[in-house]
Amino acid sequence: MSRNIAQEIQEMIDQTNVVLFMKGNKHMPQCGFSAAAVNMLNELGVSFKDVNVLSDPQLRQGIKDFSDWPTVPQLYVRGTFVGGSDIMREMHESGELRATLGDAATA
C-alpha cells in the first residue's frame, strides 16, 4: 500500500488549530529558524502541535510540496498556511501574528 503523504499532512492540519512543521520538536528545536518560530509561539502563549520533519524524509519533502514553500518551519493556523519563521517574525513584530492566531491559540 502506497503512502499518501499529502493526505497525512492535511489530516494533521485539520486535527489541530495551530500546527508547526519544524526541524526537531518544541522542546528541542534542531535549527535556529525552528527555534525562533517556537519562541514566538511560546511568547504569545500559544498551544500548538509540533511535527518533526527530520523524523521522516517523506514528510520533510512532502510538506514543502504540500505548501509549495521551499523551507521549514511552516506554520498553519486553522488549516491555512501562514508562512515560515521570517514571515512569522514580521507578523509578530507588527502584532499581526497575535491577531492571526486569535482564539485558535488556546483551543
PDB file of N, CA and C in Angstrom:
ATOM      1  N   MET A   1       0.853  -1.178   0.000  1.00  0.00           N
ATOM      2  CA  MET A   1       0.000   0.000   0.000  1.00  0.00           C
ATOM      3  C   MET A   1       0.896   1.236   0.000  1.00  0.00           C
ATOM      4  N   SER A   2       0.658   2.134  -0.923  1.00  0.00           N
ATOM      5  CA  SER A   2       1.496   3.321  -1.007  1.00  0.00           C
ATOM      6  C   SER A   2       0.975   4.402  -0.064  1.00  0.00           C
ATOM      7  N   ARG A   3       1.874   5.178   0.408  1.00  0.00           N
ATOM      8  CA  ARG A   3       1.590   6.213   1.393  1.00  0.00           C
ATOM      9  C   ARG A   3       1.125   7.486   0.701  1.00  0.00           C
ATOM     10  N   ASN A   4       0.078   8.104   1.237  1.00  0.00           N
ATOM     11  CA  ASN A   4      -0.390   9.383   0.711  1.00  0.00           C
ATOM     12  C   ASN A   4       0.020  10.470   1.696  1.00  0.00           C
ATOM     13  N   ILE A   5       1.222  11.006   1.501  1.00  0.00           N
ATOM     14  CA  ILE A   5       1.784  11.969   2.442  1.00  0.00           C
ATOM     15  C   ILE A   5       0.969  13.259   2.485  1.00  0.00           C
ATOM     16  N   ALA A   6       0.436  13.688   1.344  1.00  0.00           N
ATOM     17  CA  ALA A   6      -0.384  14.902   1.328  1.00  0.00           C
ATOM     18  C   ALA A   6      -1.624  14.720   2.193  1.00  0.00           C
ATOM     19  N   GLN A   7      -2.221  13.559   2.144  1.00  0.00           N
ATOM     20  CA  GLN A   7      -3.397  13.287   2.979  1.00  0.00           C
ATOM     21  C   GLN A   7      -3.022  13.270   4.460  1.00  0.00           C
ATOM     22  N   GLU A   8      -1.878  12.676   4.774  1.00  0.00           N
ATOM     23  CA  GLU A   8      -1.409  12.659   6.168  1.00  0.00           C
ATOM     24  C   GLU A   8      -1.202  14.086   6.684  1.00  0.00           C
ATOM     25  N   ILE A   9      -0.597  14.923   5.868  1.00  0.00           N
ATOM     26  CA  ILE A   9      -0.359  16.324   6.249  1.00  0.00           C
ATOM     27  C   ILE A   9      -1.685  17.039   6.441  1.00  0.00           C
ATOM     28  N   GLN A  10      -2.605  16.860   5.506  1.00  0.00           N
ATOM     29  CA  GLN A  10      -3.912  17.510   5.609  1.00  0.00           C
ATOM     30  C   GLN A  10      -4.626  17.099   6.888  1.00  0.00           C
ATOM     31  N   GLU A  11      -4.541  15.829   7.248  1.00  0.00           N
ATOM     32  CA  GLU A  11      -5.181  15.352   8.480  1.00  0.00           C
ATOM     33  C   GLU A  11      -4.553  15.999   9.707  1.00  0.00           C
ATOM     34  N   MET A  12      -3.227  16.133   9.726  1.00  0.00           N
ATOM     35  CA  MET A  12      -2.562  16.789  10.863  1.00  0.00           C
ATOM     36  C   MET A  12      -3.037  18.234  10.987  1.00  0.00           C
ATOM     37  N   ILE A  13      -3.135  18.917   9.858  1.00  0.00           N
ATOM     38  CA  ILE A  13      -3.549  20.320   9.849  1.00  0.00           C
ATOM     39  C   ILE A  13      -5.010  20.450  10.276  1.00  0.00           C
ATOM     40  N   ASP A  14      -5.843  19.516   9.853  1.00  0.00           N
ATOM     41  CA  ASP A  14      -7.268  19.561  10.181  1.00  0.00           C
ATOM     42  C   ASP A  14      -7.548  19.242  11.650  1.00  0.00           C
ATOM     43  N   GLN A  15      -6.677  18.474  12.281  1.00  0.00           N
ATOM     44  CA  GLN A  15      -6.921  17.996  13.647  1.00  0.00           C
ATOM     45  C   GLN A  15      -6.559  19.005  14.730  1.00  0.00           C
ATOM     46  N   THR A  16      -5.764  20.001  14.406  1.00  0.00           N
ATOM     47  CA  THR A  16      -5.282  20.949  15.419  1.00  0.00           C
ATOM     48  C   THR A  16      -5.328  22.361  14.855  1.00  0.00           C
ATOM     49  N   ASN A  17      -5.740  23.313  15.673  1.00  0.00           N
ATOM     50  CA  ASN A  17      -5.842  24.701  15.208  1.00  0.00           C
ATOM     51  C   ASN A  17      -4.511  25.304  14.792  1.00  0.00           C
ATOM     52  N   VAL A  18      -3.454  24.994  15.530  1.00  0.00           N
ATOM     53  CA  VAL A  18      -2.138  25.569  15.244  1.00  0.00           C
ATOM     54  C   VAL A  18      -1.125  24.430  15.129  1.00  0.00           C
ATOM     55  N   VAL A  19      -0.505  24.320  13.954  1.00  0.00           N
ATOM     56  CA  VAL A  19       0.473  23.259  13.697  1.00  0.00           C
ATOM     57  C   VAL A  19       1.749  23.894  13.157  1.00  0.00           C
ATOM     58  N   LEU A  20       2.876  23.490  13.738  1.00  0.00           N
ATOM     59  CA  LEU A  20       4.177  23.961  13.276  1.00  0.00           C
ATOM     60  C   LEU A  20       4.976  22.760  12.792  1.00  0.00           C
ATOM     61  N   PHE A  21       5.218  22.704  11.485  1.00  0.00           N
ATOM     62  CA  PHE A  21       6.104  21.703  10.914  1.00  0.00           C
ATOM     63  C   PHE A  21       7.507  22.278  11.051  1.00  0.00           C
ATOM     64  N   MET A  22       8.388  21.530  11.709  1.00  0.00           N
ATOM     65  CA  MET A  22       9.674  22.095  12.089  1.00  0.00           C
ATOM     66  C   MET A  22      10.761  21.038  12.118  1.00  0.00           C
ATOM     67  N   LYS A  23      11.993  21.486  12.270  1.00  0.00           N
ATOM     68  CA  LYS A  23      13.116  20.583  12.471  1.00  0.00           C
ATOM     69  C   LYS A  23      13.300  20.434  13.970  1.00  0.00           C
ATOM     70  N   GLY A  24      13.133  19.211  14.452  1.00  0.00           N
ATOM     71  CA  GLY A  24      13.166  18.950  15.882  1.00  0.00           C
ATOM     72  C   GLY A  24      11.760  19.049  16.445  1.00  0.00           C
ATOM     73  N   ASN A  25      11.677  19.331  17.737  1.00  0.00           N
ATOM     74  CA  ASN A  25      10.368  19.494  18.365  1.00  0.00           C
ATOM     75  C   ASN A  25      10.372  20.732  19.250  1.00  0.00           C
ATOM     76  N   LYS A  26       9.218  21.052  19.808  1.00  0.00           N
ATOM     77  CA  LYS A  26       9.098  22.302  20.561  1.00  0.00           C
ATOM     78  C   LYS A  26      10.006  22.345  21.783  1.00  0.00           C
ATOM     79  N   HIS A  27      10.416  21.171  22.279  1.00  0.00           N
ATOM     80  CA  HIS A  27      11.295  21.126  23.446  1.00  0.00           C
ATOM     81  C   HIS A  27      12.770  21.149  23.055  1.00  0.00           C
ATOM     82  N   MET A  28      13.062  20.733  21.806  1.00  0.00           N
ATOM     83  CA  MET A  28      14.441  20.724  21.337  1.00  0.00           C
ATOM     84  C   MET A  28      14.479  20.987  19.827  1.00  0.00           C
ATOM     85  N   PRO A  29      14.296  22.250  19.437  1.00  0.00           N
ATOM     86  CA  PRO A  29      14.395  22.594  18.017  1.00  0.00           C
ATOM     87  C   PRO A  29      15.786  22.261  17.486  1.00  0.00           C
ATOM     88  N   GLN A  30      15.844  21.838  16.222  1.00  0.00           N
ATOM     89  CA  GLN A  30      17.115  21.418  15.634  1.00  0.00           C
ATOM     90  C   GLN A  30      17.686  22.425  14.634  1.00  0.00           C
ATOM     91  N   CYS A  31      17.105  23.608  14.564  1.00  0.00           N
ATOM     92  CA  CYS A  31      17.693  24.671  13.743  1.00  0.00           C
ATOM     93  C   CYS A  31      17.251  26.009  14.322  1.00  0.00           C
ATOM     94  N   GLY A  32      17.986  27.035  13.996  1.00  0.00           N
ATOM     95  CA  GLY A  32      17.695  28.364  14.536  1.00  0.00           C
ATOM     96  C   GLY A  32      16.340  28.904  14.106  1.00  0.00           C
ATOM     97  N   PHE A  33      15.938  28.609  12.871  1.00  0.00           N
ATOM     98  CA  PHE A  33      14.653  29.111  12.385  1.00  0.00           C
ATOM     99  C   PHE A  33      13.492  28.439  13.120  1.00  0.00           C
ATOM    100  N   SER A  34      13.623  27.131  13.354  1.00  0.00           N
ATOM    101  CA  SER A  34      12.587  26.425  14.111  1.00  0.00           C
ATOM    102  C   SER A  34      12.545  26.921  15.549  1.00  0.00           C
ATOM    103  N   ALA A  35      13.711  27.154  16.130  1.00  0.00           N
ATOM    104  CA  ALA A  35      13.763  27.682  17.498  1.00  0.00           C
ATOM    105  C   ALA A  35      13.095  29.046  17.572  1.00  0.00           C
ATOM    106  N   ALA A  36      13.337  29.892  16.584  1.00  0.00           N
ATOM    107  CA  ALA A  36      12.724  31.223  16.569  1.00  0.00           C
ATOM    108  C   ALA A  36      11.202  31.115  16.473  1.00  0.00           C
ATOM    109  N   ALA A  37      10.712  30.201  15.637  1.00  0.00           N
ATOM    110  CA  ALA A  37       9.266  30.022  15.492  1.00  0.00           C
ATOM    111  C   ALA A  37       8.649  29.552  16.801  1.00  0.00           C
ATOM    112  N   VAL A  38       9.288  28.584  17.447  1.00  0.00           N
ATOM    113  CA  VAL A  38       8.792  28.083  18.736  1.00  0.00           C
ATOM    114  C   VAL A  38       8.793  29.206  19.765  1.00  0.00           C
ATOM    115  N   ASN A  39       9.859  29.995  19.811  1.00  0.00           N
ATOM    116  CA  ASN A  39       9.948  31.083  20.789  1.00  0.00           C
ATOM    117  C   ASN A  39       8.827  32.100  20.600  1.00  0.00           C
ATOM    118  N   MET A  40       8.514  32.426  19.345  1.00  0.00           N
ATOM    119  CA  MET A  40       7.423  33.382  19.098  1.00  0.00           C
ATOM    120  C   MET A  40       6.089  32.824  19.578  1.00  0.00           C
ATOM    121  N   LEU A  41       5.823  31.569  19.259  1.00  0.00           N
ATOM    122  CA  LEU A  41       4.552  30.961  19.680  1.00  0.00           C
ATOM    123  C   LEU A  41       4.486  30.861  21.199  1.00  0.00           C
ATOM    124  N   ASN A  42       5.606  30.487  21.823  1.00  0.00           N
ATOM    125  CA  ASN A  42       5.635  30.411  23.284  1.00  0.00           C
ATOM    126  C   ASN A  42       5.436  31.784  23.915  1.00  0.00           C
ATOM    127  N   GLU A  43       6.056  32.797  23.344  1.00  0.00           N
ATOM    128  CA  GLU A  43       5.925  34.163  23.860  1.00  0.00           C
ATOM    129  C   GLU A  43       4.465  34.616  23.836  1.00  0.00           C
ATOM    130  N   LEU A  44       3.722  34.155  22.825  1.00  0.00           N
ATOM    131  CA  LEU A  44       2.311  34.514  22.700  1.00  0.00           C
ATOM    132  C   LEU A  44       1.399  33.569  23.489  1.00  0.00           C
ATOM    133  N   GLY A  45       1.991  32.575  24.159  1.00  0.00           N
ATOM    134  CA  GLY A  45       1.207  31.649  24.961  1.00  0.00           C
ATOM    135  C   GLY A  45       0.358  30.696  24.130  1.00  0.00           C
ATOM    136  N   VAL A  46       0.866  30.345  22.957  1.00  0.00           N
ATOM    137  CA  VAL A  46       0.100  29.538  22.020  1.00  0.00           C
ATOM    138  C   VAL A  46       0.289  28.049  22.297  1.00  0.00           C
ATOM    139  N   SER A  47      -0.818  27.343  22.333  1.00  0.00           N
ATOM    140  CA  SER A  47      -0.790  25.887  22.372  1.00  0.00           C
ATOM    141  C   SER A  47      -0.737  25.419  20.917  1.00  0.00           C
ATOM    142  N   PHE A  48       0.272  24.604  20.573  1.00  0.00           N
ATOM    143  CA  PHE A  48       0.407  24.178  19.185  1.00  0.00           C
ATOM    144  C   PHE A  48       0.961  22.763  19.100  1.00  0.00           C
ATOM    145  N   LYS A  49       0.655  22.128  17.985  1.00  0.00           N
ATOM    146  CA  LYS A  49       1.200  20.808  17.686  1.00  0.00           C
ATOM    147  C   LYS A  49       2.494  21.011  16.919  1.00  0.00           C
ATOM    148  N   ASP A  50       3.545  20.325  17.350  1.00  0.00           N
ATOM    149  CA  ASP A  50       4.805  20.357  16.629  1.00  0.00           C
ATOM    150  C   ASP A  50       4.972  19.048  15.861  1.00  0.00           C
ATOM    151  N   VAL A  51       5.447  19.162  14.636  1.00  0.00           N
ATOM    152  CA  VAL A  51       5.674  17.988  13.790  1.00  0.00           C
ATOM    153  C   VAL A  51       7.126  18.037  13.324  1.00  0.00           C
ATOM    154  N   ASN A  52       7.898  17.043  13.739  1.00  0.00           N
ATOM    155  CA  ASN A  52       9.319  16.983  13.424  1.00  0.00           C
ATOM    156  C   ASN A  52       9.526  16.378  12.044  1.00  0.00           C
ATOM    157  N   VAL A  53       9.882  17.203  11.070  1.00  0.00           N
ATOM    158  CA  VAL A  53      10.075  16.719   9.708  1.00  0.00           C
ATOM    159  C   VAL A  53      11.376  15.922   9.560  1.00  0.00           C
ATOM    160  N   LEU A  54      12.283  16.053  10.513  1.00  0.00           N
ATOM    161  CA  LEU A  54      13.542  15.313  10.438  1.00  0.00           C
ATOM    162  C   LEU A  54      13.345  13.823  10.714  1.00  0.00           C
ATOM    163  N   SER A  55      12.234  13.481  11.341  1.00  0.00           N
ATOM    164  CA  SER A  55      11.982  12.080  11.682  1.00  0.00           C
ATOM    165  C   SER A  55      11.460  11.274  10.498  1.00  0.00           C
ATOM    166  N   ASP A  56      11.140  11.943   9.388  1.00  0.00           N
ATOM    167  CA  ASP A  56      10.519  11.260   8.262  1.00  0.00           C
ATOM    168  C   ASP A  56      10.870  11.985   6.957  1.00  0.00           C
ATOM    169  N   PRO A  57      11.776  11.410   6.148  1.00  0.00           N
ATOM    170  CA  PRO A  57      12.184  12.070   4.899  1.00  0.00           C
ATOM    171  C   PRO A  57      11.019  12.352   3.949  1.00  0.00           C
ATOM    172  N   GLN A  58      10.028  11.461   3.902  1.00  0.00           N
ATOM    173  CA  GLN A  58       8.870  11.706   3.030  1.00  0.00           C
ATOM    174  C   GLN A  58       8.082  12.915   3.518  1.00  0.00           C
ATOM    175  N   LEU A  59       7.942  13.045   4.818  1.00  0.00           N
ATOM    176  CA  LEU A  59       7.246  14.197   5.382  1.00  0.00           C
ATOM    177  C   LEU A  59       8.035  15.480   5.145  1.00  0.00           C
ATOM    178  N   ARG A  60       9.346  15.394   5.279  1.00  0.00           N
ATOM    179  CA  ARG A  60      10.200  16.578   5.102  1.00  0.00           C
ATOM    180  C   ARG A  60      10.026  17.162   3.704  1.00  0.00           C
ATOM    181  N   GLN A  61      10.004  16.312   2.678  1.00  0.00           N
ATOM    182  CA  GLN A  61       9.781  16.796   1.321  1.00  0.00           C
ATOM    183  C   GLN A  61       8.296  17.051   1.078  1.00  0.00           C
ATOM    184  N   GLY A  62       7.470  16.216   1.670  1.00  0.00           N
ATOM    185  CA  GLY A  62       6.032  16.309   1.446  1.00  0.00           C
ATOM    186  C   GLY A  62       5.433  17.631   1.886  1.00  0.00           C
ATOM    187  N   ILE A  63       5.909  18.172   3.015  1.00  0.00           N
ATOM    188  CA  ILE A  63       5.344  19.439   3.494  1.00  0.00           C
ATOM    189  C   ILE A  63       5.743  20.577   2.558  1.00  0.00           C
ATOM    190  N   LYS A  64       6.931  20.493   1.975  1.00  0.00           N
ATOM    191  CA  LYS A  64       7.369  21.522   1.019  1.00  0.00           C
ATOM    192  C   LYS A  64       6.517  21.474  -0.246  1.00  0.00           C
ATOM    193  N   ASP A  65       6.219  20.256  -0.706  1.00  0.00           N
ATOM    194  CA  ASP A  65       5.365  20.103  -1.890  1.00  0.00           C
ATOM    195  C   ASP A  65       3.932  20.533  -1.585  1.00  0.00           C
ATOM    196  N   PHE A  66       3.452  20.165  -0.396  1.00  0.00           N
ATOM    197  CA  PHE A  66       2.079  20.449   0.016  1.00  0.00           C
ATOM    198  C   PHE A  66       1.800  21.949  -0.004  1.00  0.00           C
ATOM    199  N   SER A  67       2.733  22.718   0.548  1.00  0.00           N
ATOM    200  CA  SER A  67       2.540  24.162   0.684  1.00  0.00           C
ATOM    201  C   SER A  67       3.103  24.948  -0.495  1.00  0.00           C
ATOM    202  N   ASP A  68       3.899  24.270  -1.307  1.00  0.00           N
ATOM    203  CA  ASP A  68       4.644  24.940  -2.370  1.00  0.00           C
ATOM    204  C   ASP A  68       5.541  26.022  -1.764  1.00  0.00           C
ATOM    205  N   TRP A  69       6.140  25.675  -0.632  1.00  0.00           N
ATOM    206  CA  TRP A  69       7.040  26.566   0.106  1.00  0.00           C
ATOM    207  C   TRP A  69       8.329  25.794   0.349  1.00  0.00           C
ATOM    208  N   PRO A  70       9.497  26.335   0.028  1.00  0.00           N
ATOM    209  CA  PRO A  70      10.723  25.529   0.000  1.00  0.00           C
ATOM    210  C   PRO A  70      11.408  25.274   1.331  1.00  0.00           C
ATOM    211  N   THR A  71      10.950  25.915   2.400  1.00  0.00           N
ATOM    212  CA  THR A  71      11.692  25.807   3.654  1.00  0.00           C
ATOM    213  C   THR A  71      10.793  25.380   4.813  1.00  0.00           C
ATOM    214  N   VAL A  72      11.471  24.976   5.888  1.00  0.00           N
ATOM    215  CA  VAL A  72      10.838  24.611   7.150  1.00  0.00           C
ATOM    216  C   VAL A  72      11.527  25.468   8.190  1.00  0.00           C
ATOM    217  N   PRO A  73      10.818  26.013   9.169  1.00  0.00           N
ATOM    218  CA  PRO A  73       9.479  25.649   9.629  1.00  0.00           C
ATOM    219  C   PRO A  73       8.359  26.246   8.780  1.00  0.00           C
ATOM    220  N   GLN A  74       7.185  25.649   8.976  1.00  0.00           N
ATOM    221  CA  GLN A  74       5.969  26.140   8.334  1.00  0.00           C
ATOM    222  C   GLN A  74       4.855  26.134   9.376  1.00  0.00           C
ATOM    223  N   LEU A  75       4.161  27.259   9.473  1.00  0.00           N
ATOM    224  CA  LEU A  75       3.080  27.418  10.433  1.00  0.00           C
ATOM    225  C   LEU A  75       1.730  27.383   9.724  1.00  0.00           C
ATOM    226  N   TYR A  76       0.813  26.601  10.287  1.00  0.00           N
ATOM    227  CA  TYR A  76      -0.569  26.539   9.808  1.00  0.00           C
ATOM    228  C   TYR A  76      -1.491  26.929  10.952  1.00  0.00           C
ATOM    229  N   VAL A  77      -2.443  27.806  10.660  1.00  0.00           N
ATOM    230  CA  VAL A  77      -3.430  28.226  11.657  1.00  0.00           C
ATOM    231  C   VAL A  77      -4.809  27.993  11.068  1.00  0.00           C
ATOM    232  N   ARG A  78      -5.597  27.208  11.773  1.00  0.00           N
ATOM    233  CA  ARG A  78      -6.952  26.845  11.314  1.00  0.00           C
ATOM    234  C   ARG A  78      -6.945  26.360   9.861  1.00  0.00           C
ATOM    235  N   GLY A  79      -5.959  25.531   9.527  1.00  0.00           N
ATOM    236  CA  GLY A  79      -5.903  24.938   8.207  1.00  0.00           C
ATOM    237  C   GLY A  79      -5.287  25.806   7.130  1.00  0.00           C
ATOM    238  N   THR A  80      -4.878  27.013   7.470  1.00  0.00           N
ATOM    239  CA  THR A  80      -4.322  27.943   6.483  1.00  0.00           C
ATOM    240  C   THR A  80      -2.818  28.101   6.697  1.00  0.00           C
ATOM    241  N   PHE A  81      -2.065  28.004   5.621  1.00  0.00           N
ATOM    242  CA  PHE A  81      -0.626  28.211   5.688  1.00  0.00           C
ATOM    243  C   PHE A  81      -0.335  29.678   5.951  1.00  0.00           C
ATOM    244  N   VAL A  82       0.433  29.944   7.003  1.00  0.00           N
ATOM    245  CA  VAL A  82       0.792  31.316   7.368  1.00  0.00           C
ATOM    246  C   VAL A  82       2.151  31.689   6.790  1.00  0.00           C
ATOM    247  N   GLY A  83       3.144  30.813   6.961  1.00  0.00           N
ATOM    248  CA  GLY A  83       4.474  31.093   6.442  1.00  0.00           C
ATOM    249  C   GLY A  83       5.548  30.461   7.296  1.00  0.00           C
ATOM    250  N   GLY A  84       6.787  30.848   7.009  1.00  0.00           N
ATOM    251  CA  GLY A  84       7.940  30.361   7.751  1.00  0.00           C
ATOM    252  C   GLY A  84       8.367  31.348   8.820  1.00  0.00           C
ATOM    253  N   SER A  85       9.550  31.129   9.357  1.00  0.00           N
ATOM    254  CA  SER A  85       9.979  31.936  10.506  1.00  0.00           C
ATOM    255  C   SER A  85      10.166  33.411  10.165  1.00  0.00           C
ATOM    256  N   ASP A  86      10.633  33.738   8.955  1.00  0.00           N
ATOM    257  CA  ASP A  86      10.809  35.152   8.597  1.00  0.00           C
ATOM    258  C   ASP A  86       9.464  35.870   8.538  1.00  0.00           C
ATOM    259  N   ILE A  87       8.492  35.236   7.924  1.00  0.00           N
ATOM    260  CA  ILE A  87       7.153  35.825   7.854  1.00  0.00           C
ATOM    261  C   ILE A  87       6.546  35.907   9.246  1.00  0.00           C
ATOM    262  N   MET A  88       6.738  34.850  10.036  1.00  0.00           N
ATOM    263  CA  MET A  88       6.237  34.868  11.411  1.00  0.00           C
ATOM    264  C   MET A  88       6.845  36.031  12.192  1.00  0.00           C
ATOM    265  N   ARG A  89       8.157  36.251  12.017  1.00  0.00           N
ATOM    266  CA  ARG A  89       8.837  37.337  12.747  1.00  0.00           C
ATOM    267  C   ARG A  89       8.258  38.693  12.366  1.00  0.00           C
ATOM    268  N   GLU A  90       8.081  38.911  11.064  1.00  0.00           N
ATOM    269  CA  GLU A  90       7.496  40.185  10.611  1.00  0.00           C
ATOM    270  C   GLU A  90       6.084  40.363  11.180  1.00  0.00           C
ATOM    271  N   MET A  91       5.304  39.300  11.138  1.00  0.00           N
ATOM    272  CA  MET A  91       3.938  39.369  11.671  1.00  0.00           C
ATOM    273  C   MET A  91       3.937  39.585  13.181  1.00  0.00           C
ATOM    274  N   HIS A  92       4.879  38.945  13.866  1.00  0.00           N
ATOM    275  CA  HIS A  92       4.975  39.089  15.320  1.00  0.00           C
ATOM    276  C   HIS A  92       5.323  40.527  15.699  1.00  0.00           C
ATOM    277  N   GLU A  93       6.270  41.104  14.978  1.00  0.00           N
ATOM    278  CA  GLU A  93       6.706  42.474  15.270  1.00  0.00           C
ATOM    279  C   GLU A  93       5.585  43.481  15.035  1.00  0.00           C
ATOM    280  N   SER A  94       4.719  43.203  14.068  1.00  0.00           N
ATOM    281  CA  SER A  94       3.629  44.136  13.756  1.00  0.00           C
ATOM    282  C   SER A  94       2.356  43.860  14.562  1.00  0.00           C
ATOM    283  N   GLY A  95       2.321  42.727  15.285  1.00  0.00           N
ATOM    284  CA  GLY A  95       1.115  42.349  16.020  1.00  0.00           C
ATOM    285  C   GLY A  95       0.156  41.490  15.209  1.00  0.00           C
ATOM    286  N   GLU A  96       0.477  41.319  13.930  1.00  0.00           N
ATOM    287  CA  GLU A  96      -0.410  40.556  13.050  1.00  0.00           C
ATOM    288  C   GLU A  96      -0.435  39.068  13.409  1.00  0.00           C
ATOM    289  N   LEU A  97       0.674  38.536  13.921  1.00  0.00           N
ATOM    290  CA  LEU A  97       0.700  37.115  14.279  1.00  0.00           C
ATOM    291  C   LEU A  97      -0.295  36.830  15.397  1.00  0.00           C
ATOM    292  N   ARG A  98      -0.306  37.666  16.422  1.00  0.00           N
ATOM    293  CA  ARG A  98      -1.266  37.501  17.518  1.00  0.00           C
ATOM    294  C   ARG A  98      -2.695  37.574  16.980  1.00  0.00           C
ATOM    295  N   ALA A  99      -2.946  38.516  16.097  1.00  0.00           N
ATOM    296  CA  ALA A  99      -4.288  38.665  15.515  1.00  0.00           C
ATOM    297  C   ALA A  99      -4.661  37.447  14.678  1.00  0.00           C
ATOM    298  N   THR A 100      -3.707  36.933  13.905  1.00  0.00           N
ATOM    299  CA  THR A 100      -3.964  35.760  13.067  1.00  0.00           C
ATOM    300  C   THR A 100      -4.274  34.543  13.920  1.00  0.00           C
ATOM    301  N   LEU A 101      -3.544  34.411  15.010  1.00  0.00           N
ATOM    302  CA  LEU A 101      -3.765  33.261  15.895  1.00  0.00           C
ATOM    303  C   LEU A 101      -5.096  33.380  16.620  1.00  0.00           C
ATOM    304  N   GLY A 102      -5.441  34.600  17.018  1.00  0.00           N
ATOM    305  CA  GLY A 102      -6.717  34.845  17.691  1.00  0.00           C
ATOM    306  C   GLY A 102      -7.036  33.813  18.740  1.00  0.00           C
ATOM    307  N   ASP A 103      -8.261  33.313  18.713  1.00  0.00           N
ATOM    308  CA  ASP A 103      -8.678  32.319  19.693  1.00  0.00           C
ATOM    309  C   ASP A 103      -8.189  30.921  19.347  1.00  0.00           C
ATOM    310  N   ALA A 104      -7.559  30.737  18.186  1.00  0.00           N
ATOM    311  CA  ALA A 104      -7.006  29.433  17.833  1.00  0.00           C
ATOM    312  C   ALA A 104      -5.861  29.066  18.768  1.00  0.00           C
ATOM    313  N   ALA A 105      -5.228  30.076  19.345  1.00  0.00           N
ATOM    314  CA  ALA A 105      -4.060  29.874  20.171  1.00  0.00           C
ATOM    315  C   ALA A 105      -4.355  29.085  21.435  1.00  0.00           C
ATOM    316  N   THR A 106      -5.547  29.157  21.921  1.00  0.00           N
ATOM    317  CA  THR A 106      -5.860  28.487  23.175  1.00  0.00           C
ATOM    318  C   THR A 106      -6.738  27.268  22.975  1.00  0.00           C
ATOM    319  N   ALA A 107      -7.175  27.018  21.759  1.00  0.00           N
ATOM    320  CA  ALA A 107      -8.077  25.886  21.509  1.00  0.00           C
ATOM    321  C   ALA A 107      -7.305  24.609  21.304  1.00  0.00           C
TER     322      ALA A 107
END
